[in-house]
Amino acid sequence: MSQKCERLHEILKEGKKFRADPFKDENVKKELKCHGLYIFYEEGETGHGGDRIVRVGRAISEKNTIYLRNSNHFATKPHYTKDNSIFRKQIGRAILCDKPERLNNWNIKREKKGYIPDRETEEKVSEHLKKCYFVAIAIEDRKKIEELEKKMTVTVAQCNECKPSENWLGKKSPQGRIRQYGLWQELNLQGGELSDDDLDEIEKYLIKA
C-alpha cells in the first residue's frame, strides 16, 4: 500500500493547512462550513518526504461541519473537553500513561459521578495539538465520506513507509492499536486501500491553499 499512501501524501500537500491558533477566525469558519473529511498531521512525524498523517476524521452529520468537529478537537470554547473529542481523549490517555489514578479519572465521562475535572491535562492536550494541523476534503455525499474515510485510514495504517518516530507520544498510549498502527484512532485499520479513482476524487475536492 506504500505507493497509494505516497500518492495520497503528495495530493494532500497541496491542501490548505488549518491550525489551532487562528481557528476562531470567521473566514476559517466560513471556509469549513461543510461536510467531508479532515486529515491531521503532526510536526516531527515524517512520512513520504514530509509530515506524516496521524489521524483521519469525518464530519458527516447534518449539524456537525468540519469546522464544528475540529472546534471540539482544538477546544475553542471552555466547555469543549475530551468528552467532546475522542482525539483529545486519546492524546490525554498517552500523556497520563504513567499516572494510573488520573488516567482512570480521565476515562470517566464528566457528567458521571466521581469525575474530577482535569484542567492540567486538558491544557497539555491543547498544547500538543498546537503541533498539529489538518487539511480538509469537502464532500457532501455521506456514503462517499464513509467509504473514503475507511479506505484512507487503511492505506495509511498499512503503509510500511509511514510509521511513527521513536518519540511519538502515541507510543505511550494504553491503547494497543494506536501504538501498533501509529494513528490516533482504533477503527478502520484493516481492509481495502484507496483506488486510483478514489485518489482522483480526493484531489478534486481537496480545499487547496
C-alpha atoms as a PDB file:
ATOM      1  CA  MET A   1       0.000   0.000   0.000  1.00  0.00           C
ATOM      2  CA  SER A   2       3.020   2.301   0.137  1.00  0.00           C
ATOM      3  CA  GLN A   3       2.541   3.591  -3.434  1.00  0.00           C
ATOM      4  CA  LYS A   4      -1.063   4.640  -2.786  1.00  0.00           C
ATOM      5  CA  CYS A   5      -0.079   6.166   0.558  1.00  0.00           C
ATOM      6  CA  GLU A   6       2.746   8.079  -1.108  1.00  0.00           C
ATOM      7  CA  ARG A   7       0.383   9.465  -3.737  1.00  0.00           C
ATOM      8  CA  LEU A   8      -2.137  10.368  -1.023  1.00  0.00           C
ATOM      9  CA  HIS A   9       0.516  12.339   0.852  1.00  0.00           C
ATOM     10  CA  GLU A  10       1.581  14.071  -2.370  1.00  0.00           C
ATOM     11  CA  ILE A  11      -2.004  15.114  -3.161  1.00  0.00           C
ATOM     12  CA  LEU A  12      -2.687  16.377   0.336  1.00  0.00           C
ATOM     13  CA  LYS A  13       0.477  18.514   0.367  1.00  0.00           C
ATOM     14  CA  GLU A  14      -1.496  20.931  -1.830  1.00  0.00           C
ATOM     15  CA  GLY A  15      -4.180  21.305   0.847  1.00  0.00           C
ATOM     16  CA  LYS A  16      -4.654  24.426   2.931  1.00  0.00           C
ATOM     17  CA  LYS A  17      -3.362  23.904   6.468  1.00  0.00           C
ATOM     18  CA  PHE A  18      -5.728  24.634   9.343  1.00  0.00           C
ATOM     19  CA  ARG A  19      -4.245  25.054  12.824  1.00  0.00           C
ATOM     20  CA  ALA A  20      -5.457  25.673  16.360  1.00  0.00           C
ATOM     21  CA  ASP A  21      -4.254  29.261  16.818  1.00  0.00           C
ATOM     22  CA  PRO A  22      -6.322  31.039  14.125  1.00  0.00           C
ATOM     23  CA  PHE A  23      -9.218  28.619  14.327  1.00  0.00           C
ATOM     24  CA  LYS A  24     -11.704  31.147  15.716  1.00  0.00           C
ATOM     25  CA  ASP A  25     -11.266  33.313  12.639  1.00  0.00           C
ATOM     26  CA  GLU A  26     -14.585  33.941  10.884  1.00  0.00           C
ATOM     27  CA  ASN A  27     -13.043  33.275   7.472  1.00  0.00           C
ATOM     28  CA  VAL A  28     -11.940  29.822   8.628  1.00  0.00           C
ATOM     29  CA  LYS A  29     -15.422  29.192   9.987  1.00  0.00           C
ATOM     30  CA  LYS A  30     -16.974  30.063   6.623  1.00  0.00           C
ATOM     31  CA  GLU A  31     -14.442  28.032   4.661  1.00  0.00           C
ATOM     32  CA  LEU A  32     -15.040  24.897   6.723  1.00  0.00           C
ATOM     33  CA  LYS A  33     -18.814  25.210   6.957  1.00  0.00           C
ATOM     34  CA  CYS A  34     -19.132  21.958   5.030  1.00  0.00           C
ATOM     35  CA  HIS A  35     -19.080  18.206   5.470  1.00  0.00           C
ATOM     36  CA  GLY A  36     -16.370  15.812   4.441  1.00  0.00           C
ATOM     37  CA  LEU A  37     -13.024  14.556   5.685  1.00  0.00           C
ATOM     38  CA  TYR A  38     -10.200  16.118   7.647  1.00  0.00           C
ATOM     39  CA  ILE A  39      -6.699  14.687   7.830  1.00  0.00           C
ATOM     40  CA  PHE A  40      -4.371  15.534  10.719  1.00  0.00           C
ATOM     41  CA  TYR A  41      -0.606  15.791  10.604  1.00  0.00           C
ATOM     42  CA  GLU A  42       1.802  16.175  13.495  1.00  0.00           C
ATOM     43  CA  GLU A  43       5.017  18.147  13.177  1.00  0.00           C
ATOM     44  CA  GLY A  44       8.032  15.958  13.902  1.00  0.00           C
ATOM     45  CA  GLU A  45       6.309  12.907  12.445  1.00  0.00           C
ATOM     46  CA  THR A  46       7.555  12.237   8.918  1.00  0.00           C
ATOM     47  CA  GLY A  47       6.421  10.075   6.035  1.00  0.00           C
ATOM     48  CA  HIS A  48       6.972  10.121   2.277  1.00  0.00           C
ATOM     49  CA  GLY A  49       9.267  13.139   2.405  1.00  0.00           C
ATOM     50  CA  GLY A  50       7.014  15.335   4.535  1.00  0.00           C
ATOM     51  CA  ASP A  51       4.779  15.354   7.610  1.00  0.00           C
ATOM     52  CA  ARG A  52       3.061  12.063   8.346  1.00  0.00           C
ATOM     53  CA  ILE A  53      -0.712  11.608   8.586  1.00  0.00           C
ATOM     54  CA  VAL A  54      -1.646  10.777  12.189  1.00  0.00           C
ATOM     55  CA  ARG A  55      -5.440  10.797  12.044  1.00  0.00           C
ATOM     56  CA  VAL A  56      -8.278  10.623   9.538  1.00  0.00           C
ATOM     57  CA  GLY A  57     -11.637  12.016  10.668  1.00  0.00           C
ATOM     58  CA  ARG A  58     -15.014  12.876   9.207  1.00  0.00           C
ATOM     59  CA  ALA A  59     -17.786  15.401   9.663  1.00  0.00           C
ATOM     60  CA  ILE A  60     -20.928  13.752   8.436  1.00  0.00           C
ATOM     61  CA  SER A  61     -23.993  14.618  10.493  1.00  0.00           C
ATOM     62  CA  GLU A  62     -26.363  17.403   9.473  1.00  0.00           C
ATOM     63  CA  LYS A  63     -25.193  19.859  12.130  1.00  0.00           C
ATOM     64  CA  ASN A  64     -21.583  18.677  12.561  1.00  0.00           C
ATOM     65  CA  THR A  65     -19.499  20.516   9.963  1.00  0.00           C
ATOM     66  CA  ILE A  66     -15.738  20.181   9.545  1.00  0.00           C
ATOM     67  CA  TYR A  67     -15.404  23.460  11.434  1.00  0.00           C
ATOM     68  CA  LEU A  68     -17.520  22.369  14.402  1.00  0.00           C
ATOM     69  CA  ARG A  69     -15.882  18.947  14.576  1.00  0.00           C
ATOM     70  CA  ASN A  70     -12.439  20.457  14.815  1.00  0.00           C
ATOM     71  CA  SER A  71     -13.595  23.145  17.231  1.00  0.00           C
ATOM     72  CA  ASN A  72     -14.158  20.189  19.547  1.00  0.00           C
ATOM     73  CA  HIS A  73     -10.663  18.854  18.916  1.00  0.00           C
ATOM     74  CA  PHE A  74      -8.970  22.225  19.394  1.00  0.00           C
ATOM     75  CA  ALA A  75     -11.290  23.055  22.358  1.00  0.00           C
ATOM     76  CA  THR A  76     -12.056  26.556  21.133  1.00  0.00           C
ATOM     77  CA  LYS A  77     -14.691  27.010  23.851  1.00  0.00           C
ATOM     78  CA  PRO A  78     -14.300  26.329  27.607  1.00  0.00           C
ATOM     79  CA  HIS A  79     -16.857  23.506  27.647  1.00  0.00           C
ATOM     80  CA  TYR A  80     -15.217  21.670  24.721  1.00  0.00           C
ATOM     81  CA  THR A  81     -13.287  18.979  26.526  1.00  0.00           C
ATOM     82  CA  LYS A  82     -12.095  15.401  25.996  1.00  0.00           C
ATOM     83  CA  ASP A  83     -15.711  14.226  26.187  1.00  0.00           C
ATOM     84  CA  ASN A  84     -16.470  16.148  23.003  1.00  0.00           C
ATOM     85  CA  SER A  85     -13.480  14.683  21.152  1.00  0.00           C
ATOM     86  CA  ILE A  86     -12.123  11.135  21.117  1.00  0.00           C
ATOM     87  CA  PHE A  87      -8.968  12.664  19.594  1.00  0.00           C
ATOM     88  CA  ARG A  88      -8.406  14.753  22.741  1.00  0.00           C
ATOM     89  CA  LYS A  89      -9.230  11.775  24.916  1.00  0.00           C
ATOM     90  CA  GLN A  90      -6.654   9.569  23.179  1.00  0.00           C
ATOM     91  CA  ILE A  91      -3.906  12.185  23.463  1.00  0.00           C
ATOM     92  CA  GLY A  92      -4.706  12.635  27.168  1.00  0.00           C
ATOM     93  CA  ARG A  93      -4.504   8.886  27.740  1.00  0.00           C
ATOM     94  CA  ALA A  94      -0.970   8.868  26.340  1.00  0.00           C
ATOM     95  CA  ILE A  95       0.019  11.878  28.470  1.00  0.00           C
ATOM     96  CA  LEU A  96      -1.284  10.116  31.604  1.00  0.00           C
ATOM     97  CA  CYS A  97       0.226   6.708  30.784  1.00  0.00           C
ATOM     98  CA  ASP A  98       2.308   6.601  33.979  1.00  0.00           C
ATOM     99  CA  LYS A  99      -0.393   8.102  36.236  1.00  0.00           C
ATOM    100  CA  PRO A 100      -2.985   5.309  36.631  1.00  0.00           C
ATOM    101  CA  GLU A 101      -5.294   7.127  39.070  1.00  0.00           C
ATOM    102  CA  ARG A 102      -5.507  10.224  36.900  1.00  0.00           C
ATOM    103  CA  LEU A 103      -5.897   8.070  33.799  1.00  0.00           C
ATOM    104  CA  ASN A 104      -8.840   6.253  35.382  1.00  0.00           C
ATOM    105  CA  ASN A 105     -10.407   9.611  36.185  1.00  0.00           C
ATOM    106  CA  TRP A 106      -9.740  10.844  32.632  1.00  0.00           C
ATOM    107  CA  ASN A 107     -11.640   7.854  31.248  1.00  0.00           C
ATOM    108  CA  ILE A 108     -14.778   8.784  33.207  1.00  0.00           C
ATOM    109  CA  LYS A 109     -17.266  10.997  31.379  1.00  0.00           C
ATOM    110  CA  ARG A 110     -17.507  14.394  33.009  1.00  0.00           C
ATOM    111  CA  GLU A 111     -21.225  14.041  33.802  1.00  0.00           C
ATOM    112  CA  LYS A 112     -20.668  10.745  35.626  1.00  0.00           C
ATOM    113  CA  LYS A 113     -20.401  10.521  39.390  1.00  0.00           C
ATOM    114  CA  GLY A 114     -16.859  10.652  40.681  1.00  0.00           C
ATOM    115  CA  TYR A 115     -15.275  12.524  37.791  1.00  0.00           C
ATOM    116  CA  ILE A 116     -12.895  15.315  38.796  1.00  0.00           C
ATOM    117  CA  PRO A 117     -12.165  17.917  36.078  1.00  0.00           C
ATOM    118  CA  ASP A 118      -8.529  17.618  34.970  1.00  0.00           C
ATOM    119  CA  ARG A 119      -7.735  21.057  33.591  1.00  0.00           C
ATOM    120  CA  GLU A 120      -3.986  20.408  33.697  1.00  0.00           C
ATOM    121  CA  THR A 121      -4.263  17.508  31.259  1.00  0.00           C
ATOM    122  CA  GLU A 122      -6.746  19.390  29.074  1.00  0.00           C
ATOM    123  CA  GLU A 123      -4.174  22.190  28.774  1.00  0.00           C
ATOM    124  CA  LYS A 124      -1.413  19.711  27.918  1.00  0.00           C
ATOM    125  CA  VAL A 125      -3.623  18.165  25.232  1.00  0.00           C
ATOM    126  CA  SER A 126      -4.300  21.605  23.765  1.00  0.00           C
ATOM    127  CA  GLU A 127      -0.589  22.366  23.824  1.00  0.00           C
ATOM    128  CA  HIS A 128       0.164  19.124  21.984  1.00  0.00           C
ATOM    129  CA  LEU A 129      -2.454  19.964  19.363  1.00  0.00           C
ATOM    130  CA  LYS A 130      -0.590  23.181  18.573  1.00  0.00           C
ATOM    131  CA  LYS A 131       1.953  20.877  16.900  1.00  0.00           C
ATOM    132  CA  CYS A 132      -0.798  19.545  14.671  1.00  0.00           C
ATOM    133  CA  TYR A 133      -2.670  20.817  11.649  1.00  0.00           C
ATOM    134  CA  PHE A 134      -5.185  19.369   9.239  1.00  0.00           C
ATOM    135  CA  VAL A 135      -6.236  19.595   5.628  1.00  0.00           C
ATOM    136  CA  ALA A 136      -9.843  19.151   4.545  1.00  0.00           C
ATOM    137  CA  ILE A 137     -11.798  17.494   1.758  1.00  0.00           C
ATOM    138  CA  ALA A 138     -15.245  18.990   1.178  1.00  0.00           C
ATOM    139  CA  ILE A 139     -17.738  16.297   0.170  1.00  0.00           C
ATOM    140  CA  GLU A 140     -21.471  16.249   0.879  1.00  0.00           C
ATOM    141  CA  ASP A 141     -22.177  12.620  -0.123  1.00  0.00           C
ATOM    142  CA  ARG A 142     -22.421  10.745   3.195  1.00  0.00           C
ATOM    143  CA  LYS A 143     -21.800   7.316   1.681  1.00  0.00           C
ATOM    144  CA  LYS A 144     -18.720   8.581  -0.156  1.00  0.00           C
ATOM    145  CA  ILE A 145     -17.363  10.224   3.016  1.00  0.00           C
ATOM    146  CA  GLU A 146     -17.667   6.939   4.929  1.00  0.00           C
ATOM    147  CA  GLU A 147     -16.063   4.965   2.111  1.00  0.00           C
ATOM    148  CA  LEU A 148     -13.111   7.307   1.703  1.00  0.00           C
ATOM    149  CA  GLU A 149     -12.541   7.573   5.457  1.00  0.00           C
ATOM    150  CA  LYS A 150     -12.207   3.789   5.776  1.00  0.00           C
ATOM    151  CA  LYS A 151     -10.014   3.331   2.725  1.00  0.00           C
ATOM    152  CA  MET A 152      -7.791   6.288   3.587  1.00  0.00           C
ATOM    153  CA  THR A 153      -7.250   5.074   7.138  1.00  0.00           C
ATOM    154  CA  VAL A 154      -6.377   1.567   5.940  1.00  0.00           C
ATOM    155  CA  THR A 155      -3.995   2.934   3.304  1.00  0.00           C
ATOM    156  CA  VAL A 156      -2.046   4.908   5.905  1.00  0.00           C
ATOM    157  CA  ALA A 157      -2.214   2.282   8.675  1.00  0.00           C
ATOM    158  CA  GLN A 158      -0.891  -0.488   6.437  1.00  0.00           C
ATOM    159  CA  CYS A 159       1.911   1.535   4.822  1.00  0.00           C
ATOM    160  CA  ASN A 160       5.385   0.292   5.741  1.00  0.00           C
ATOM    161  CA  GLU A 161       6.987   3.638   4.874  1.00  0.00           C
ATOM    162  CA  CYS A 162       4.723   5.736   7.071  1.00  0.00           C
ATOM    163  CA  LYS A 163       5.490   4.713  10.643  1.00  0.00           C
ATOM    164  CA  PRO A 164       5.742   6.724  13.870  1.00  0.00           C
ATOM    165  CA  SER A 165       9.009   8.056  15.204  1.00  0.00           C
ATOM    166  CA  GLU A 166      10.526   6.706  18.402  1.00  0.00           C
ATOM    167  CA  ASN A 167       9.442   9.872  20.242  1.00  0.00           C
ATOM    168  CA  TRP A 168       5.834   9.899  19.039  1.00  0.00           C
ATOM    169  CA  LEU A 169       3.537  10.490  22.030  1.00  0.00           C
ATOM    170  CA  GLY A 170       1.123   7.809  20.794  1.00  0.00           C
ATOM    171  CA  LYS A 171       3.688   5.138  21.622  1.00  0.00           C
ATOM    172  CA  LYS A 172       2.814   5.757  25.269  1.00  0.00           C
ATOM    173  CA  SER A 173      -0.881   5.137  24.654  1.00  0.00           C
ATOM    174  CA  PRO A 174      -2.565   2.399  26.718  1.00  0.00           C
ATOM    175  CA  GLN A 175      -4.480   1.558  23.518  1.00  0.00           C
ATOM    176  CA  GLY A 176      -2.533  -1.174  21.729  1.00  0.00           C
ATOM    177  CA  ARG A 177      -3.876  -0.413  18.267  1.00  0.00           C
ATOM    178  CA  ILE A 178      -2.690   3.194  18.489  1.00  0.00           C
ATOM    179  CA  ARG A 179       0.815   2.029  19.378  1.00  0.00           C
ATOM    180  CA  GLN A 180       0.761  -0.635  16.670  1.00  0.00           C
ATOM    181  CA  TYR A 181      -0.526   1.394  13.742  1.00  0.00           C
ATOM    182  CA  GLY A 182       0.814   4.849  14.584  1.00  0.00           C
ATOM    183  CA  LEU A 183      -2.522   6.658  14.271  1.00  0.00           C
ATOM    184  CA  TRP A 184      -4.630   8.423  16.891  1.00  0.00           C
ATOM    185  CA  GLN A 185      -7.562   6.090  16.186  1.00  0.00           C
ATOM    186  CA  GLU A 186      -8.582   2.475  16.656  1.00  0.00           C
ATOM    187  CA  LEU A 187     -11.113   1.840  13.887  1.00  0.00           C
ATOM    188  CA  ASN A 188     -10.836   1.106  10.134  1.00  0.00           C
ATOM    189  CA  LEU A 189      -7.223  -0.064  10.360  1.00  0.00           C
ATOM    190  CA  GLN A 190      -7.592  -3.103   8.124  1.00  0.00           C
ATOM    191  CA  GLY A 191      -9.397  -3.627   4.831  1.00  0.00           C
ATOM    192  CA  GLY A 192      -9.228  -2.329   1.257  1.00  0.00           C
ATOM    193  CA  GLU A 193      -6.962   0.534   0.206  1.00  0.00           C
ATOM    194  CA  LEU A 194      -7.704   3.602  -1.852  1.00  0.00           C
ATOM    195  CA  SER A 195      -8.120   3.127  -5.595  1.00  0.00           C
ATOM    196  CA  ASP A 196      -6.760   5.470  -8.260  1.00  0.00           C
ATOM    197  CA  ASP A 197     -10.312   6.775  -8.767  1.00  0.00           C
ATOM    198  CA  ASP A 198     -10.572   7.466  -5.022  1.00  0.00           C
ATOM    199  CA  LEU A 199      -7.331   9.418  -5.103  1.00  0.00           C
ATOM    200  CA  ASP A 200      -8.565  11.428  -8.086  1.00  0.00           C
ATOM    201  CA  GLU A 201     -11.709  12.297  -6.142  1.00  0.00           C
ATOM    202  CA  ILE A 202      -9.706  13.325  -3.081  1.00  0.00           C
ATOM    203  CA  GLU A 203      -7.607  15.620  -5.269  1.00  0.00           C
ATOM    204  CA  LYS A 204     -10.749  17.109  -6.854  1.00  0.00           C
ATOM    205  CA  TYR A 205     -12.454  18.035  -3.588  1.00  0.00           C
ATOM    206  CA  LEU A 206      -9.392  18.973  -1.504  1.00  0.00           C
ATOM    207  CA  ILE A 207      -9.591  22.516  -0.084  1.00  0.00           C
ATOM    208  CA  LYS A 208      -6.388  23.964  -1.513  1.00  0.00           C
ATOM    209  CA  ALA A 209      -4.098  26.666  -0.250  1.00  0.00           C
END
